Protein backbone atom coordinates (compact mmCIF):
# COMPACT_ATOMS: atom_id res chain seq x y z
CA MET A 1 1.19 10.98 6.24
CA ALA A 2 4.72 10.71 7.62
CA ASP A 3 7.62 11.59 5.35
CA LEU A 4 9.45 8.29 4.78
CA SER A 5 11.72 9.59 2.02
CA GLY A 6 15.37 8.63 2.08
CA VAL A 7 17.44 5.54 2.76
CA GLY A 8 17.51 4.78 6.47
CA THR A 9 14.37 6.71 7.40
CA PRO A 10 12.44 4.54 9.88
CA ILE A 11 9.21 3.13 8.48
CA THR A 12 5.96 3.71 10.37
CA TYR A 13 4.64 0.16 9.91
CA SER A 14 3.32 -1.37 13.14
CA GLU A 15 1.59 -4.57 14.18
CA ASP A 16 -0.88 -2.35 16.02
CA ASN A 17 -3.10 -1.25 13.14
CA PRO A 18 -6.85 -1.50 12.41
CA VAL A 19 -6.56 -4.01 9.55
CA SER A 20 -4.43 -6.45 11.55
CA GLU A 21 -6.83 -6.16 14.48
CA TRP A 22 -9.78 -6.94 12.18
CA MET A 23 -7.90 -9.87 10.61
CA SER A 24 -7.10 -11.33 14.04
CA ARG A 25 -10.75 -11.15 15.04
CA ILE A 26 -12.16 -12.85 11.94
CA ARG A 27 -9.39 -15.46 12.05
CA LYS A 28 -10.40 -16.40 15.60
CA GLU A 29 -14.04 -16.60 14.52
CA PHE A 30 -13.11 -18.89 11.63
CA ASP A 31 -10.82 -21.05 13.75
CA ALA A 32 -13.72 -21.73 16.12
CA LYS A 33 -15.67 -23.31 13.22
CA ARG A 34 -12.95 -25.62 11.95
CA ARG A 35 -13.63 -29.37 12.02
CA PRO A 36 -12.01 -32.74 11.34
CA PRO A 37 -12.37 -34.33 7.89
CA LYS A 38 -15.84 -35.83 7.53
CA ASP A 39 -14.61 -39.03 5.86
CA ASP A 40 -11.54 -40.75 4.44
CA GLU A 41 -12.04 -39.25 1.00
CA GLU A 42 -12.00 -35.71 2.36
CA LEU A 43 -8.97 -36.49 4.53
CA LYS A 44 -7.00 -37.74 1.52
CA LEU A 45 -7.94 -34.72 -0.59
CA PHE A 46 -6.97 -32.43 2.29
CA ALA A 47 -3.64 -34.23 2.56
CA ARG A 48 -3.01 -33.69 -1.16
CA TRP A 49 -3.76 -29.97 -0.76
CA ASN A 50 -1.25 -29.70 2.08
CA GLY A 51 1.29 -31.60 0.04
CA PHE A 52 0.75 -29.13 -2.79
CA ARG A 53 1.12 -26.19 -0.37
CA GLY A 54 4.41 -27.58 0.83
CA ARG A 55 5.82 -28.25 -2.62
CA ARG A 56 4.71 -24.81 -3.84
CA GLU A 57 6.37 -23.18 -0.83
CA LEU A 58 9.62 -24.95 -1.60
CA ASP A 59 9.47 -24.49 -5.37
CA LEU A 60 8.27 -20.88 -5.57
CA THR A 61 8.82 -19.05 -2.28
CA VAL A 62 12.11 -20.69 -1.36
CA GLY A 63 13.19 -21.11 -4.97
CA SER A 64 12.69 -17.42 -5.79
CA ALA A 65 14.65 -16.35 -2.69
CA CYS A 66 17.55 -18.57 -3.76
CA TYR A 67 17.24 -17.25 -7.32
CA ALA A 68 17.41 -13.66 -6.07
CA TYR A 69 20.44 -14.49 -3.92
CA SER A 70 22.34 -16.05 -6.82
CA HIS A 71 21.20 -13.87 -9.75
CA PHE A 72 20.96 -10.40 -8.20
CA ALA A 73 24.16 -10.67 -6.14
CA HIS A 74 25.48 -7.32 -7.38
CA GLU A 75 22.58 -5.60 -5.55
CA LEU A 76 22.89 -7.48 -2.26
CA ASP A 77 24.85 -6.29 0.73
CA PRO A 78 25.63 -8.80 3.51
CA GLU A 79 22.43 -7.93 5.39
CA TRP A 80 20.33 -8.71 2.31
CA GLN A 81 22.24 -11.97 1.87
CA PHE A 82 21.46 -12.93 5.46
CA LEU A 83 17.79 -11.89 5.23
CA LEU A 84 17.18 -13.79 1.99
CA MET A 85 18.73 -16.96 3.33
CA ASP A 86 16.94 -16.64 6.67
CA HIS A 87 13.71 -16.17 4.71
CA ALA A 88 14.48 -19.24 2.60
CA ARG A 89 15.28 -21.29 5.71
CA THR A 90 12.04 -20.28 7.45
CA GLU A 91 9.84 -20.89 4.42
CA ALA A 92 11.58 -24.18 3.64
CA GLY A 93 10.70 -25.33 7.14
CA HIS A 94 7.08 -24.44 6.50
CA GLY A 95 7.05 -26.15 3.10
CA TRP A 96 8.56 -29.35 4.39
CA GLY A 97 6.29 -29.14 7.42
CA PHE A 98 3.18 -29.12 5.22
CA ILE A 99 4.48 -32.16 3.34
CA ARG A 100 5.10 -34.01 6.60
CA GLN A 101 1.62 -33.09 7.82
CA ALA A 102 0.18 -34.48 4.57
CA ASN A 103 2.11 -37.73 4.98
CA MET A 104 0.77 -38.14 8.52
CA MET A 105 -2.79 -37.63 7.28
CA ASP A 106 -2.41 -40.13 4.46
CA PRO A 107 0.74 -42.28 4.61
CA SER A 108 -0.36 -44.32 1.60
CA ILE A 109 1.32 -41.88 -0.80
CA ASP A 110 4.47 -39.74 -0.71
CA HIS A 111 3.26 -36.13 -0.78
CA ALA A 112 6.76 -34.87 -1.56
CA LYS A 113 6.29 -36.18 -5.10
CA PRO A 114 4.44 -34.22 -7.82
CA ASP A 115 0.68 -34.70 -8.01
CA PRO A 116 -0.25 -33.96 -11.64
CA GLU A 117 -3.74 -35.37 -11.14
CA LEU A 118 -4.46 -32.64 -8.58
CA THR A 119 -3.58 -30.07 -11.23
CA GLU A 120 -5.57 -31.80 -13.96
CA GLN A 121 -8.66 -32.37 -11.84
CA PHE A 122 -8.72 -29.25 -9.66
CA GLY A 123 -6.32 -26.73 -11.22
CA ALA A 124 -3.91 -26.40 -8.31
CA ARG A 125 -0.62 -25.27 -9.86
CA VAL A 126 2.10 -22.62 -9.72
CA SER A 127 1.53 -19.61 -11.98
CA GLU A 128 4.39 -19.61 -14.46
CA GLU A 129 3.71 -15.93 -15.23
CA HIS A 130 4.18 -15.03 -11.58
CA LYS A 131 7.30 -17.16 -11.33
CA ARG A 132 8.85 -15.35 -14.31
CA LEU A 133 7.95 -12.00 -12.77
CA VAL A 134 9.70 -12.60 -9.45
CA GLU A 135 12.79 -13.79 -11.31
CA ARG A 136 12.94 -10.74 -13.62
CA ASP A 137 14.90 -8.31 -11.40
CA PHE A 138 15.35 -7.59 -7.71
CA LEU A 139 12.69 -4.87 -7.46
CA SER A 140 10.18 -7.20 -9.13
CA TYR A 141 11.15 -9.95 -6.69
CA LEU A 142 10.52 -7.65 -3.73
CA ILE A 143 7.21 -6.12 -4.83
CA ALA A 144 5.69 -9.12 -6.63
CA GLY A 145 6.94 -11.78 -4.26
CA ASN A 146 6.44 -13.16 -0.80
CA LEU A 147 8.32 -10.41 1.04
CA TRP A 148 5.78 -7.72 0.16
CA ALA A 149 3.44 -8.52 3.03
CA TYR A 150 0.08 -8.85 1.29
CA GLY A 151 -0.02 -12.29 2.87
CA HIS A 152 -0.91 -10.75 6.23
CA CYS A 153 -4.34 -10.15 4.64
CA THR A 154 -4.62 -12.76 1.87
CA ALA A 155 -3.07 -15.84 3.47
CA MET A 156 -6.17 -16.63 5.52
CA THR A 157 -7.67 -18.01 2.30
CA THR A 158 -5.08 -20.81 2.45
CA VAL A 159 -6.59 -22.04 5.74
CA SER A 160 -9.22 -24.74 5.33
CA LEU A 161 -12.36 -25.33 7.36
CA VAL A 162 -11.06 -28.91 7.53
CA THR A 163 -8.16 -29.49 9.92
CA THR A 164 -6.45 -31.98 12.21
CA PRO A 165 -5.07 -31.35 15.72
CA LYS A 166 -1.46 -31.73 14.56
CA LEU A 167 -1.94 -29.37 11.64
CA THR A 168 -3.64 -26.79 13.86
CA ASP A 169 -0.69 -26.91 16.23
CA PHE A 170 1.78 -26.58 13.33
CA LEU A 171 -0.06 -23.59 11.87
CA HIS A 172 -0.36 -21.78 15.18
CA ASN A 173 3.01 -22.46 16.79
CA VAL A 174 5.23 -22.57 13.71
CA VAL A 175 3.80 -21.01 10.57
CA ASN A 176 1.79 -18.11 11.98
CA ALA A 177 4.37 -17.32 14.64
CA GLU A 178 7.27 -17.20 12.18
CA GLU A 179 5.67 -15.70 9.08
CA ARG A 180 4.78 -12.33 10.55
CA THR A 181 7.98 -11.92 12.55
CA HIS A 182 10.47 -12.53 9.77
CA HIS A 183 8.45 -10.72 7.08
CA ASP A 184 8.10 -7.61 9.22
CA ALA A 185 11.85 -7.55 9.90
CA ILE A 186 12.49 -7.23 6.16
CA LEU A 187 10.12 -4.32 5.47
CA GLN A 188 12.63 -1.67 6.63
CA LYS A 189 15.27 -3.17 4.35
CA LEU A 190 12.76 -3.21 1.49
CA HIS A 191 12.00 0.49 2.11
CA ASP A 192 15.68 1.34 1.99
CA TYR A 193 16.22 -0.54 -1.27
CA VAL A 194 13.30 1.26 -2.94
CA TRP A 195 14.58 4.66 -1.81
CA LEU A 196 18.06 3.78 -3.01
CA GLN A 197 16.52 3.20 -6.43
CA ILE A 198 14.77 6.57 -6.15
CA GLU A 199 18.12 8.24 -5.47
CA LYS A 200 19.48 6.66 -8.65
CA TYR A 201 16.53 6.92 -11.04
CA GLY A 202 14.12 9.48 -9.62
CA PHE A 203 10.91 9.28 -7.62
CA GLU A 204 8.35 9.24 -10.43
CA TYR A 205 10.14 6.52 -12.39
CA VAL A 206 10.45 4.18 -9.38
CA ARG A 207 6.93 4.90 -8.19
CA ARG A 208 5.61 4.01 -11.64
CA ARG A 209 7.69 0.82 -11.76
CA VAL A 210 6.41 -0.27 -8.35
CA ALA A 211 2.82 0.32 -9.48
CA GLU A 212 3.37 -1.66 -12.69
CA ILE A 213 5.01 -4.59 -10.89
CA ASP A 214 2.28 -4.66 -8.24
CA GLU A 215 -0.52 -4.66 -10.81
CA GLU A 216 1.20 -7.33 -12.92
CA ALA A 217 1.62 -9.58 -9.88
CA LEU A 218 -1.96 -9.15 -8.68
CA ASN A 219 -3.21 -10.07 -12.16
CA ASN A 220 -0.94 -13.10 -12.60
CA CYS A 221 -2.27 -15.31 -9.79
CA SER A 222 0.37 -14.35 -7.24
CA ARG A 223 -2.10 -14.58 -4.33
CA LEU A 224 -4.58 -17.40 -3.70
CA PRO A 225 -7.72 -15.20 -3.47
CA PHE A 226 -6.96 -13.88 -6.97
CA ASP A 227 -6.04 -17.22 -8.57
CA PRO A 228 -9.38 -18.72 -9.77
CA PRO A 229 -8.39 -22.41 -10.19
CA ARG A 230 -6.74 -22.74 -6.77
CA ARG A 231 -9.26 -20.46 -5.06
CA ASP A 232 -12.31 -22.26 -6.45
CA PHE A 233 -10.88 -25.66 -5.53
CA VAL A 234 -10.20 -24.86 -1.87
CA ARG A 235 -13.47 -22.99 -1.42
CA LYS A 236 -15.60 -25.78 -2.94
CA TYR A 237 -13.93 -28.82 -1.44
CA LEU A 238 -12.22 -27.63 1.77
CA GLY A 239 -14.27 -24.64 2.93
CA ASN A 240 -11.51 -22.05 2.78
CA PRO A 241 -12.64 -18.49 3.56
CA ILE A 242 -12.56 -15.52 1.21
CA HIS A 243 -14.12 -12.64 3.18
CA ASN A 244 -10.70 -11.65 4.53
CA ILE A 245 -10.02 -9.79 1.28
CA GLU A 246 -12.76 -7.29 2.14
CA LYS A 247 -9.93 -5.31 3.74
CA PHE A 248 -7.35 -5.97 1.03
CA TYR A 249 -7.29 -2.44 -0.41
CA ASP A 250 -7.12 -0.97 3.09
CA TRP A 251 -4.16 -3.24 3.82
CA ARG A 252 -2.52 -2.39 0.49
CA ARG A 253 -2.80 1.32 1.26
CA TYR A 254 -1.45 0.79 4.78
CA LEU A 255 1.64 -0.96 3.39
CA TYR A 256 2.30 1.73 0.80
CA LEU A 257 1.93 4.59 3.27
CA ASN A 258 3.86 3.01 6.14
CA VAL A 259 6.58 1.12 4.27
CA LEU A 260 7.15 2.95 0.99
CA GLY A 261 5.87 6.38 1.93
CA TRP A 262 3.34 7.24 -0.79
CA GLU A 263 -0.25 6.63 -1.85
CA PRO A 264 -0.77 3.53 -4.02
CA GLU A 265 -2.09 3.83 -7.54
CA PRO A 266 -5.60 2.32 -7.90
CA VAL A 267 -5.47 -1.16 -9.37
CA THR A 268 -8.03 -3.37 -11.10
CA ILE A 269 -7.74 -7.03 -10.11
CA ARG A 270 -9.35 -8.93 -12.95
CA ASN A 271 -9.80 -12.15 -10.97
CA TRP A 272 -11.46 -10.58 -7.95
CA PRO A 273 -14.04 -13.18 -6.74
CA SER A 274 -17.48 -12.34 -8.07
CA ASP A 275 -19.27 -12.98 -4.75
CA VAL A 276 -17.13 -10.48 -2.78
CA PRO A 277 -17.98 -6.80 -3.30
CA VAL A 278 -15.00 -4.82 -4.57
CA PRO A 279 -14.03 -2.33 -1.86
CA SER A 280 -13.49 1.33 -2.61
CA GLN A 281 -9.95 2.49 -3.33
CA GLN A 282 -10.71 6.10 -2.60
CA LEU A 283 -8.09 7.80 -0.50
CA ALA A 284 -8.90 8.01 3.17
CA ALA A 285 -9.53 11.42 4.67
C-alpha cells in the first residue's frame, strides 16, 4: 500500500482498476438487454421516475453543494469554491436533463413539479436523515455525499431496463461522460482536506470520524441499492439491476486505499438486499 500521508501527496486512484473494468463489462451486458416501454402505462411510470431522479438531483446533490459553499465558507479556499460550483453546475444539468427527458416521454404532466403520489404509492423520496448528514459539517458532506465516488459502483442501479433512444443518448453522452470526469478531479482535493484535518486533530480521531460518517451514510439510504423503498420500486417496475453491488466492498476498499491512504473499517449495511450475497470484507493479501 502506497503511503498517501500528508497534504499534497498524489493519490494513487486510477481509472484503470479491476473493479471499474468489471463494472464496464457488466454495464455493456445490461445495456444490450434494454428495451422500449412495453405500453403507455409503463412509459408514463418511467417518465415519473426520471422526473423524480431529476428533482432529487437538483434538491439533494446540487442543494447540498450549494449548502456546503454557503455554510462551510471558512473551510473553503478558492479551488474548493470553484470545484463545488462546477460540481453543482454539472449535476444541475443532469437533474434538469432528466426532467426534460421525462417531459418528452409524457408531455401530459409537468415533471418539474412534485409528485407526492409517486412517494405514497411506491416510496420514492429523499432520505431526510441523509440530507441532514451531508449538511452537518464539511467532512460529513465529503464522505457521506455525492463527491465520495461510491456512485462509480452503485449508480448502475439507477439505470432501468426500460429506456428510450433519447434517454440512452443523454445517459451515454452527457451523464456518464461528465460524472466520472468531474468526480475524479475532486478526489485529490478531498484527500488533501482529510489530511489537513489529520494535521490538526490527529490520525486516529479523523480516521474514526470518517468511518462513523461512512457507516451512518450507508445506513441512512444515501445510495439507491441500500434504500429499500426506492430500490424495490425500480427493481419491480422498471427492471433496474442490483448485481453491480457484488463488488461494492472491493470498490470501497479501493477508494480508501487509493484516495485516503488507509484500510477501511468493516461496515454492516443493514439494508443490503436479501437476494444478493454479502461479499467478504476481509483484507486482500
